[in-house]
Amino acid sequence: MIKAVMEEGSERGWMKTRRAMREELKKVGTIAAPMVVASALQYLLQVVSLIMVGHLNQLSLASVAIATSLTNVSGFSVLSGMAGGLETLCGQAFGAEQYEKFGLYTYTAIISLTLVSIPITILWTFMDKILTLLGQDLTISLEARKYAIWLIPALFGSAILKPLTRFFQTQSLIFPVVLSSAMVLCFHVVTCWTLVFKLDLGHVGAALAFSLCVWLNVMLLLSFAIYSSACDKTRTPFSYNALLGVGEFFRFAIPSALMVCLKWWACEILVLLAGVFSNPKLETSVLSICLTISTLHFTIPYGFGVAASTRVSNELGAGNPQAVRVVVFVSMFLTIIEGLIVSTILFGCKHILGYAYSNDHMVIHYVAIMTPLLCLSIFTDNLQAVLSGVARGSGWQHLGAYVNLGAFYLVGIPLGTLLGFVAHFRAKGLWVGIVTGSIVQSILLSLITALTNWKKQEIMAKERIFDGKPLEQNRFNNNHMIDA
């Protein structure tokens, strides 16, 4: 009798778990799938600019390629990373139904990112000096600076756009982001072609088109936030209290930016090191191809990471630590399956993959040799994308920053340099360094996630949002204020 009751209870528990996992699968999927589309559309903006400029001349293409790399590393990636602080603050506030704080956090982020854009602007103004110090050709450096100067409006537009994107993302309102991204990409193709070729503005026209597109995206998302009924609860008027939250925002924004930038910078350093080899064109080309494939694919696990971040932060804010375990399991399951599928396809196409980028048989053969390492890199990228999303959602970005610092700057770059130059594996050795760093990163983030006390994280989220007051007391006060 007792045994039958226990078996029945166990079966009920298993069915309940399966039902919870199915529900979570739907929730994660409805955020991840459109976010993948949105990030891919946004990535294509710079690809379109490069394609257009590539039809001008080699000088324009070289200067734009270098300027794009430097502006991404020193500007856009920093703002994007810092905006990740909102994934903790806004996500948890939304889960706790603290909509006024949700809006204030968004205003705070816009103010903070605008302030950060000022020193970045000064840096871009002297880009030609920086490039010449790095050994670049003076003519290319001057043209790259000109391109960067015309990207400054896009930088300040991004200071508004990045927080606005998180504003929608942490509410699971992804459709406006997808729609605006699609409209902006269409606008960019027409505008870039007109400015570059019809008005003969050259590569400056491409930069101007990109800046116009960023501000168009801002206007579209702002219009949706102001007029859509979906944002009625979270649409709050500006308050000077937003200025008081700058310090708190930076506590999450800086480590969040480091999580994004440390690996990005490591990859850029290794690509620069490839230029020192005896055949720099071949080595740099192959590394750039691998990095391009990896970056393009990253739009998929990034979507899973966004979904994980949103769901984790919402559940912690709502006081459901047990649900977070289900979120992490489902998100990891999806990203592992996707990583295995893509890696298998790439490995099967290793002998023809290089033809997409070059007709040079040496490049094609080299890409085929690098493909197994690329597959491993893609799989580890999938893991770290979701685990980093969990970190942003729960608020332990500082641990993620330490992990990335150790994984890439104590392990990845030294090992890659050793294998590339001392062991004479050249670009292959450098990429082994990146892969090894990614493996170490994934292992450490997995351990931190597995050992996280989610009940404690829920209490910390509660104290953060409600200023240390009990959750029930704050909800009673809010309801009492509404009734009054």
Protein backbone atom coordinates (compact mmCIF):
# COMPACT_ATOMS: atom_id res chain seq x y z
CA MET A 1 0.00 0.00 0.00
CA ILE A 2 2.72 2.47 1.05
CA LYS A 3 4.85 1.40 -1.91
CA ALA A 4 1.97 2.01 -4.33
CA VAL A 5 1.37 5.48 -2.89
CA MET A 6 5.08 6.31 -3.18
CA GLU A 7 5.17 5.09 -6.79
CA GLU A 8 2.06 7.13 -7.61
CA GLY A 9 3.60 10.21 -5.99
CA SER A 10 6.85 9.69 -7.88
CA GLU A 11 4.97 9.35 -11.18
CA ARG A 12 2.99 12.51 -10.45
CA GLY A 13 6.22 14.35 -9.66
CA TRP A 14 7.81 13.19 -12.93
CA MET A 15 4.75 14.24 -14.93
CA LYS A 16 4.78 17.62 -13.21
CA THR A 17 8.48 18.05 -14.08
CA ARG A 18 7.88 17.10 -17.71
CA ARG A 19 4.99 19.55 -17.92
CA ALA A 20 7.16 22.31 -16.43
CA MET A 21 9.93 21.56 -18.94
CA ARG A 22 7.48 21.64 -21.87
CA GLU A 23 6.14 25.00 -20.73
CA GLU A 24 9.64 26.38 -20.27
CA LEU A 25 10.64 25.09 -23.69
CA LYS A 26 7.84 27.17 -25.22
CA LYS A 27 8.81 30.28 -23.23
CA VAL A 28 12.51 30.01 -24.10
CA GLY A 29 11.71 29.28 -27.75
CA THR A 30 9.40 32.28 -28.14
CA ILE A 31 12.21 34.56 -26.93
CA ALA A 32 15.21 32.84 -28.54
CA ALA A 33 13.88 32.31 -32.09
CA PRO A 34 12.94 35.95 -32.83
CA MET A 35 16.06 37.18 -31.02
CA VAL A 36 18.22 35.09 -33.35
CA VAL A 37 16.50 36.75 -36.33
CA ALA A 38 16.94 40.23 -34.81
CA SER A 39 20.64 39.79 -34.02
CA ALA A 40 21.31 38.35 -37.50
CA LEU A 41 19.57 41.33 -39.12
CA GLN A 42 21.60 43.76 -36.99
CA TYR A 43 24.84 41.94 -37.86
CA LEU A 44 24.03 42.27 -41.57
CA LEU A 45 24.09 46.09 -41.36
CA GLN A 46 27.88 46.17 -41.20
CA VAL A 47 28.15 43.34 -43.74
CA VAL A 48 26.13 45.41 -46.24
CA SER A 49 28.42 48.41 -45.65
CA LEU A 50 31.52 46.29 -46.30
CA ILE A 51 30.03 44.78 -49.46
CA MET A 52 29.12 48.21 -50.83
CA VAL A 53 32.53 49.70 -50.03
CA GLY A 54 34.27 46.62 -51.42
CA HIS A 55 33.05 47.62 -54.90
CA LEU A 56 34.88 50.99 -54.68
CA ASN A 57 38.60 50.29 -54.33
CA GLN A 58 41.09 48.42 -52.13
CA LEU A 59 41.93 51.52 -50.07
CA SER A 60 38.29 52.07 -49.09
CA LEU A 61 37.77 48.39 -48.28
CA ALA A 62 40.94 48.16 -46.17
CA SER A 63 40.21 51.37 -44.25
CA VAL A 64 36.57 50.44 -43.57
CA ALA A 65 37.52 46.91 -42.48
CA ILE A 66 40.07 48.26 -39.99
CA ALA A 67 37.77 51.08 -38.79
CA THR A 68 34.87 48.64 -38.34
CA SER A 69 37.05 46.32 -36.28
CA LEU A 70 38.37 49.13 -34.05
CA THR A 71 35.02 50.88 -33.57
CA ASN A 72 33.43 47.56 -32.63
CA VAL A 73 36.18 46.71 -30.16
CA SER A 74 36.46 50.15 -28.56
CA GLY A 75 32.89 51.41 -28.83
CA PHE A 76 29.88 49.37 -29.89
CA SER A 77 30.90 46.20 -28.01
CA VAL A 78 31.49 48.25 -24.85
CA LEU A 79 28.02 49.83 -25.01
CA SER A 80 26.39 46.50 -25.82
CA GLY A 81 28.19 44.82 -22.94
CA MET A 82 27.32 47.57 -20.47
CA ALA A 83 23.66 47.44 -21.48
CA GLY A 84 23.77 43.83 -20.26
CA GLY A 85 23.51 45.28 -16.74
CA LEU A 86 19.84 45.94 -17.51
CA GLU A 87 19.30 42.21 -17.99
CA THR A 88 19.81 41.90 -14.24
CA LEU A 89 18.10 45.09 -13.08
CA CYS A 90 15.19 45.37 -15.52
CA GLY A 91 14.64 41.61 -15.76
CA GLN A 92 14.35 41.16 -12.01
CA ALA A 93 12.27 44.33 -11.58
CA PHE A 94 9.83 43.11 -14.24
CA GLY A 95 9.55 39.70 -12.59
CA ALA A 96 8.81 41.42 -9.26
CA GLU A 97 6.21 43.67 -10.96
CA GLN A 98 8.13 46.80 -9.96
CA TYR A 99 7.37 48.61 -13.20
CA GLU A 100 8.35 52.10 -12.02
CA LYS A 101 11.85 50.88 -11.17
CA PHE A 102 11.93 49.04 -14.48
CA GLY A 103 11.48 52.33 -16.33
CA LEU A 104 13.95 54.21 -14.10
CA TYR A 105 16.64 51.59 -14.73
CA THR A 106 16.21 52.12 -18.49
CA TYR A 107 16.62 55.89 -18.15
CA THR A 108 19.68 55.36 -15.95
CA ALA A 109 21.27 53.11 -18.56
CA ILE A 110 20.71 55.65 -21.35
CA ILE A 111 22.31 58.41 -19.26
CA SER A 112 25.26 56.18 -18.29
CA LEU A 113 25.97 54.95 -21.83
CA THR A 114 25.77 58.50 -23.19
CA LEU A 115 28.42 59.58 -20.67
CA VAL A 116 30.65 56.63 -21.65
CA SER A 117 30.30 57.60 -25.33
CA ILE A 118 32.13 60.90 -24.75
CA PRO A 119 35.62 59.45 -24.04
CA ILE A 120 35.07 56.87 -26.82
CA THR A 121 34.41 59.76 -29.22
CA ILE A 122 37.73 61.36 -28.24
CA LEU A 123 39.47 58.02 -28.85
CA TRP A 124 37.95 57.70 -32.33
CA THR A 125 39.01 61.27 -33.17
CA PHE A 126 42.64 60.17 -32.82
CA MET A 127 42.19 56.82 -34.57
CA ASP A 128 44.75 57.67 -37.28
CA LYS A 129 47.41 58.25 -34.62
CA ILE A 130 46.57 54.94 -32.93
CA LEU A 131 46.71 53.00 -36.19
CA THR A 132 50.03 54.49 -37.27
CA LEU A 133 51.48 53.57 -33.86
CA LEU A 134 50.30 50.00 -34.54
CA GLY A 135 52.25 50.03 -37.80
CA GLN A 136 49.38 50.62 -40.23
CA ASP A 137 49.79 52.55 -43.49
CA LEU A 138 49.28 56.31 -43.03
CA THR A 139 46.82 56.65 -45.93
CA ILE A 140 44.69 53.75 -44.66
CA SER A 141 44.82 55.19 -41.13
CA LEU A 142 43.56 58.62 -42.28
CA GLU A 143 40.68 57.07 -44.26
CA ALA A 144 39.79 54.82 -41.32
CA ARG A 145 39.66 57.87 -39.02
CA LYS A 146 37.35 59.63 -41.48
CA TYR A 147 35.01 56.62 -41.46
CA ALA A 148 35.08 56.45 -37.64
CA ILE A 149 34.27 60.17 -37.31
CA TRP A 150 31.07 59.67 -39.32
CA LEU A 151 30.17 56.74 -37.06
CA ILE A 152 30.10 58.97 -33.97
CA PRO A 153 26.36 59.76 -34.42
CA ALA A 154 25.77 55.99 -34.50
CA LEU A 155 27.70 55.66 -31.23
CA PHE A 156 25.43 58.12 -29.41
CA GLY A 157 22.40 56.54 -31.07
CA SER A 158 23.56 53.16 -29.75
CA ALA A 159 23.71 54.63 -26.24
CA ILE A 160 19.91 54.87 -26.51
CA LEU A 161 19.30 51.85 -28.75
CA LYS A 162 21.07 49.26 -26.57
CA PRO A 163 19.04 50.06 -23.41
CA LEU A 164 15.84 50.28 -25.50
CA THR A 165 16.50 46.80 -26.87
CA ARG A 166 16.93 45.46 -23.30
CA PHE A 167 13.74 47.35 -22.33
CA PHE A 168 11.77 45.14 -24.73
CA GLN A 169 13.87 42.02 -24.28
CA THR A 170 13.42 41.78 -20.50
CA GLN A 171 9.64 42.00 -20.99
CA SER A 172 9.81 39.19 -23.58
CA LEU A 173 8.59 41.68 -26.22
CA ILE A 174 10.91 40.62 -29.04
CA PHE A 175 8.62 41.25 -32.03
CA PRO A 176 9.17 45.07 -32.04
CA VAL A 177 12.95 44.49 -32.11
CA VAL A 178 12.65 42.05 -35.03
CA LEU A 179 10.31 44.33 -36.98
CA SER A 180 12.44 47.45 -36.50
CA SER A 181 15.64 45.53 -37.38
CA ALA A 182 14.09 44.26 -40.63
CA MET A 183 12.84 47.73 -41.60
CA VAL A 184 16.20 49.31 -40.79
CA LEU A 185 18.12 46.73 -42.84
CA CYS A 186 15.94 47.42 -45.89
CA PHE A 187 16.42 51.16 -45.37
CA HIS A 188 20.18 50.67 -45.00
CA VAL A 189 20.55 48.80 -48.30
CA VAL A 190 18.84 51.61 -50.23
CA THR A 191 20.45 54.48 -48.29
CA CYS A 192 23.95 53.02 -48.36
CA TRP A 193 23.78 52.37 -52.12
CA THR A 194 22.47 55.90 -52.75
CA LEU A 195 25.07 57.66 -50.62
CA VAL A 196 28.03 55.53 -51.72
CA PHE A 197 27.39 55.33 -55.46
CA LYS A 198 24.76 57.86 -56.53
CA LEU A 199 25.98 60.77 -54.40
CA ASP A 200 29.65 59.69 -54.71
CA LEU A 201 30.32 59.94 -50.98
CA GLY A 202 32.36 56.74 -51.03
CA HIS A 203 33.08 55.00 -47.73
CA VAL A 204 31.96 58.10 -45.82
CA GLY A 205 28.51 57.50 -47.30
CA ALA A 206 28.50 53.99 -45.82
CA ALA A 207 29.30 55.37 -42.35
CA LEU A 208 26.62 58.06 -42.70
CA ALA A 209 24.06 55.46 -43.82
CA PHE A 210 24.87 53.29 -40.80
CA SER A 211 24.46 56.26 -38.44
CA LEU A 212 21.10 57.16 -40.00
CA CYS A 213 19.97 53.55 -39.59
CA VAL A 214 20.85 53.47 -35.89
CA TRP A 215 18.79 56.60 -35.25
CA LEU A 216 15.91 55.26 -37.35
CA ASN A 217 15.95 52.14 -35.18
CA VAL A 218 15.86 54.33 -32.07
CA MET A 219 12.85 56.26 -33.41
CA LEU A 220 10.96 53.08 -34.31
CA LEU A 221 11.48 51.44 -30.92
CA LEU A 222 10.73 54.69 -29.06
CA SER A 223 7.47 55.04 -30.99
CA PHE A 224 6.48 51.51 -30.05
CA ALA A 225 7.37 52.09 -26.38
CA ILE A 226 5.37 55.35 -26.28
CA TYR A 227 2.24 54.30 -28.18
CA SER A 228 1.89 50.54 -27.74
CA SER A 229 -0.53 49.21 -25.12
CA ALA A 230 1.96 46.36 -24.48
CA CYS A 231 4.19 48.87 -22.68
CA ASP A 232 1.45 50.52 -20.58
CA LYS A 233 2.83 49.16 -17.29
CA THR A 234 6.51 49.75 -17.97
CA ARG A 235 6.15 53.15 -19.69
CA THR A 236 7.08 55.51 -16.88
CA PRO A 237 7.83 59.27 -16.96
CA PHE A 238 11.40 60.45 -16.54
CA SER A 239 12.46 61.14 -12.96
CA TYR A 240 15.62 62.65 -11.51
CA ASN A 241 15.87 59.46 -9.45
CA ALA A 242 17.30 57.93 -12.61
CA LEU A 243 20.47 59.97 -11.97
CA LEU A 244 20.78 58.47 -8.48
CA GLY A 245 20.92 54.96 -9.92
CA VAL A 246 24.01 55.52 -12.08
CA GLY A 247 26.35 54.04 -9.46
CA GLU A 248 24.26 50.90 -9.04
CA PHE A 249 23.99 50.48 -12.82
CA PHE A 250 27.76 50.73 -13.28
CA ARG A 251 28.28 47.99 -10.67
CA PHE A 252 26.56 45.59 -13.06
CA ALA A 253 27.41 47.28 -16.36
CA ILE A 254 31.22 47.28 -16.05
CA PRO A 255 31.64 43.54 -15.33
CA SER A 256 28.95 42.82 -17.92
CA ALA A 257 30.96 44.78 -20.51
CA LEU A 258 34.13 42.94 -19.51
CA MET A 259 32.37 39.60 -20.02
CA VAL A 260 31.62 40.62 -23.62
CA CYS A 261 34.81 42.48 -24.44
CA LEU A 262 37.53 40.32 -22.92
CA LYS A 263 36.98 37.44 -25.33
CA TRP A 264 36.36 39.82 -28.26
CA TRP A 265 39.63 41.62 -27.54
CA ALA A 266 41.47 38.29 -27.20
CA CYS A 267 40.33 37.22 -30.68
CA GLU A 268 41.36 40.57 -32.16
CA ILE A 269 44.80 40.32 -30.50
CA LEU A 270 45.39 36.88 -32.02
CA VAL A 271 44.32 38.10 -35.48
CA LEU A 272 46.82 40.97 -35.17
CA LEU A 273 49.50 38.48 -34.11
CA ALA A 274 48.82 36.49 -37.29
CA GLY A 275 50.16 39.45 -39.25
CA VAL A 276 53.64 38.78 -37.83
CA PHE A 277 53.99 35.34 -39.49
CA SER A 278 56.12 34.80 -42.61
CA ASN A 279 53.02 34.63 -44.84
CA PRO A 280 50.78 37.20 -43.10
CA LYS A 281 48.16 37.42 -45.87
CA LEU A 282 47.40 33.69 -45.75
CA GLU A 283 47.47 33.39 -41.96
CA THR A 284 45.38 36.52 -41.36
CA SER A 285 42.89 35.58 -44.08
CA VAL A 286 42.29 32.12 -42.63
CA LEU A 287 41.91 33.42 -39.08
CA SER A 288 39.54 36.14 -40.30
CA ILE A 289 37.44 33.55 -42.15
CA CYS A 290 37.18 31.38 -39.02
CA LEU A 291 36.32 34.43 -36.91
CA THR A 292 33.67 35.55 -39.45
CA ILE A 293 31.98 32.13 -39.46
CA SER A 294 32.12 31.95 -35.67
CA THR A 295 30.69 35.48 -35.28
CA LEU A 296 27.89 34.88 -37.78
CA HIS A 297 26.91 31.63 -36.06
CA PHE A 298 27.04 33.30 -32.63
CA THR A 299 23.77 35.08 -33.45
CA ILE A 300 22.04 31.73 -32.74
CA PRO A 301 23.44 30.91 -29.27
CA TYR A 302 23.18 34.62 -28.45
CA GLY A 303 19.41 34.24 -28.85
CA PHE A 304 19.45 31.31 -26.41
CA GLY A 305 21.56 33.40 -24.02
CA VAL A 306 19.08 36.28 -24.19
CA ALA A 307 16.22 33.87 -23.49
CA ALA A 308 18.08 32.36 -20.53
CA SER A 309 18.92 35.80 -19.14
CA THR A 310 15.33 37.03 -19.46
CA ARG A 311 13.75 33.94 -17.95
CA VAL A 312 16.27 33.66 -15.08
CA SER A 313 15.97 37.33 -14.12
CA ASN A 314 12.15 37.28 -14.36
CA GLU A 315 11.85 34.16 -12.20
CA LEU A 316 14.30 35.45 -9.57
CA GLY A 317 12.42 38.75 -9.44
CA ALA A 318 9.12 36.88 -9.08
CA GLY A 319 10.56 34.79 -6.22
CA ASN A 320 10.64 31.42 -8.04
CA PRO A 321 14.16 30.02 -7.52
CA GLN A 322 13.07 26.46 -8.34
CA ALA A 323 11.89 27.54 -11.78
CA VAL A 324 15.38 28.88 -12.53
CA ARG A 325 16.80 25.33 -12.51
CA VAL A 326 14.31 24.34 -15.20
CA VAL A 327 15.22 27.44 -17.26
CA VAL A 328 18.94 26.61 -17.10
CA PHE A 329 18.38 22.94 -18.01
CA VAL A 330 16.09 23.71 -20.97
CA SER A 331 18.36 26.48 -22.31
CA MET A 332 21.46 24.28 -22.07
CA PHE A 333 19.66 21.36 -23.72
CA LEU A 334 18.61 23.51 -26.69
CA THR A 335 22.03 25.10 -27.19
CA ILE A 336 23.87 21.75 -26.96
CA ILE A 337 21.58 20.20 -29.60
CA GLU A 338 22.01 23.21 -31.92
CA GLY A 339 25.79 23.23 -31.39
CA LEU A 340 26.09 19.54 -32.25
CA ILE A 341 24.00 19.94 -35.41
CA VAL A 342 25.93 22.97 -36.73
CA SER A 343 29.33 21.48 -35.83
CA THR A 344 28.46 18.23 -37.62
CA ILE A 345 27.34 20.10 -40.76
CA LEU A 346 30.47 22.28 -40.81
CA PHE A 347 32.73 19.28 -40.29
CA GLY A 348 31.04 17.47 -43.19
CA CYS A 349 31.57 20.53 -45.42
CA LYS A 350 35.18 21.22 -44.38
CA HIS A 351 36.62 20.63 -47.86
CA ILE A 352 34.20 23.03 -49.59
CA LEU A 353 33.74 25.63 -46.84
CA GLY A 354 36.67 27.73 -48.01
CA TYR A 355 35.15 28.23 -51.47
CA ALA A 356 32.58 30.58 -49.91
CA TYR A 357 35.37 33.03 -49.13
CA SER A 358 38.17 32.43 -51.64
CA ASN A 359 39.24 30.68 -54.84
CA ASP A 360 42.81 30.33 -53.59
CA HIS A 361 43.57 26.60 -53.12
CA MET A 362 45.97 27.31 -50.25
CA VAL A 363 43.27 29.21 -48.34
CA ILE A 364 40.69 26.49 -49.05
CA HIS A 365 43.05 23.74 -47.84
CA TYR A 366 44.01 25.75 -44.74
CA VAL A 367 40.33 26.35 -43.88
CA ALA A 368 39.71 22.59 -44.17
CA ILE A 369 42.52 21.97 -41.66
CA MET A 370 41.08 24.61 -39.28
CA THR A 371 37.45 23.41 -39.52
CA PRO A 372 37.62 20.73 -36.74
CA LEU A 373 38.94 23.40 -34.36
CA LEU A 374 36.25 25.80 -35.59
CA CYS A 375 33.57 23.17 -34.84
CA LEU A 376 34.87 22.76 -31.30
CA SER A 377 34.96 26.54 -30.90
CA ILE A 378 31.35 26.86 -32.07
CA PHE A 379 30.21 24.21 -29.57
CA THR A 380 31.96 25.92 -26.64
CA ASP A 381 30.59 29.29 -27.80
CA ASN A 382 27.09 27.83 -27.50
CA LEU A 383 27.73 26.77 -23.92
CA GLN A 384 29.24 30.08 -22.83
CA ALA A 385 26.50 32.12 -24.53
CA VAL A 386 23.80 30.50 -22.39
CA LEU A 387 25.92 30.42 -19.23
CA SER A 388 26.79 34.10 -19.68
CA GLY A 389 23.07 34.80 -20.11
CA VAL A 390 22.41 33.02 -16.81
CA ALA A 391 25.14 35.15 -15.20
CA ARG A 392 23.57 38.38 -16.49
CA GLY A 393 20.10 37.30 -15.43
CA SER A 394 21.15 36.43 -11.88
CA GLY A 395 23.59 39.31 -11.38
CA TRP A 396 26.98 37.60 -10.99
CA GLN A 397 28.61 39.25 -14.00
CA HIS A 398 31.70 40.02 -11.89
CA LEU A 399 32.42 36.29 -11.61
CA GLY A 400 31.97 35.94 -15.38
CA ALA A 401 34.46 38.77 -15.93
CA TYR A 402 37.06 37.05 -13.72
CA VAL A 403 36.48 33.77 -15.57
CA ASN A 404 36.99 35.40 -18.98
CA LEU A 405 40.09 37.22 -17.77
CA GLY A 406 41.67 33.99 -16.55
CA ALA A 407 40.48 31.79 -19.42
CA PHE A 408 41.73 34.01 -22.25
CA TYR A 409 44.55 36.12 -20.80
CA LEU A 410 46.14 33.56 -18.50
CA VAL A 411 45.47 30.49 -20.66
CA GLY A 412 44.19 31.23 -24.19
CA ILE A 413 46.50 33.99 -25.46
CA PRO A 414 49.73 32.64 -23.84
CA LEU A 415 49.03 29.12 -25.14
CA GLY A 416 48.09 30.40 -28.61
CA THR A 417 51.25 32.52 -28.78
CA LEU A 418 53.38 29.58 -27.64
CA LEU A 419 51.88 27.17 -30.18
CA GLY A 420 51.82 29.73 -32.98
CA PHE A 421 55.36 31.08 -32.69
CA VAL A 422 57.41 28.62 -30.64
CA ALA A 423 55.84 25.35 -31.88
CA HIS A 424 55.43 26.89 -35.38
CA PHE A 425 51.76 25.89 -35.77
CA ARG A 426 51.10 29.46 -36.97
CA ALA A 427 47.36 30.37 -37.30
CA LYS A 428 46.33 26.88 -36.22
CA GLY A 429 48.25 27.34 -32.98
CA LEU A 430 46.63 30.73 -32.35
CA TRP A 431 43.16 29.26 -32.87
CA VAL A 432 43.99 26.34 -30.52
CA GLY A 433 44.63 29.06 -27.93
CA ILE A 434 41.16 30.56 -28.54
CA VAL A 435 39.52 27.12 -28.34
CA THR A 436 41.37 26.20 -25.16
CA GLY A 437 40.37 29.50 -23.57
CA SER A 438 36.75 28.85 -24.56
CA ILE A 439 36.86 25.36 -23.05
CA VAL A 440 38.27 26.68 -19.77
CA GLN A 441 35.66 29.45 -19.80
CA SER A 442 32.79 26.99 -20.36
CA ILE A 443 34.01 24.62 -17.63
CA LEU A 444 34.37 27.39 -15.04
CA LEU A 445 31.02 29.00 -15.87
CA SER A 446 29.36 25.55 -15.72
CA LEU A 447 30.83 24.92 -12.26
CA ILE A 448 29.70 28.33 -10.99
CA THR A 449 26.18 27.77 -12.36
CA ALA A 450 25.96 24.25 -10.90
CA LEU A 451 27.09 25.47 -7.46
CA THR A 452 24.87 28.57 -7.40
CA ASN A 453 22.41 28.76 -4.52
CA TRP A 454 19.32 30.02 -6.34
CA LYS A 455 17.41 30.66 -3.14
CA LYS A 456 20.19 33.02 -2.07
CA GLN A 457 20.12 34.66 -5.51
CA GLU A 458 16.38 35.21 -5.09
CA ILE A 459 16.93 36.88 -1.71
CA MET A 460 19.64 39.12 -3.21
CA ALA A 461 17.32 40.07 -6.08
CA LYS A 462 14.59 40.89 -3.56
CA GLU A 463 16.92 43.11 -1.53
CA ARG A 464 18.15 44.82 -4.70
CA ILE A 465 14.68 45.62 -6.00
CA PHE A 466 12.87 46.30 -2.71
CA ASP A 467 15.74 48.00 -0.87
CA GLY A 468 16.01 45.15 1.62
CA LYS A 469 12.30 45.11 2.53
CA PRO A 470 10.25 41.91 2.46
CA LEU A 471 8.61 41.14 -0.88
CA GLU A 472 5.09 40.84 0.59
CA GLN A 473 5.36 44.17 2.42
CA ASN A 474 6.36 46.04 -0.74
CA ARG A 475 3.56 44.48 -2.78
CA PHE A 476 1.08 45.42 -0.01
CA ASN A 477 2.39 49.00 -0.04
CA ASN A 478 2.17 49.20 -3.84
CA ASN A 479 -1.40 47.84 -3.85
CA HIS A 480 -2.36 50.21 -1.03
CA MET A 481 -0.97 53.16 -3.02
CA ILE A 482 -2.91 52.05 -6.10
CA ASP A 483 -6.14 51.66 -4.11
CA ALA A 484 -5.62 55.11 -2.58
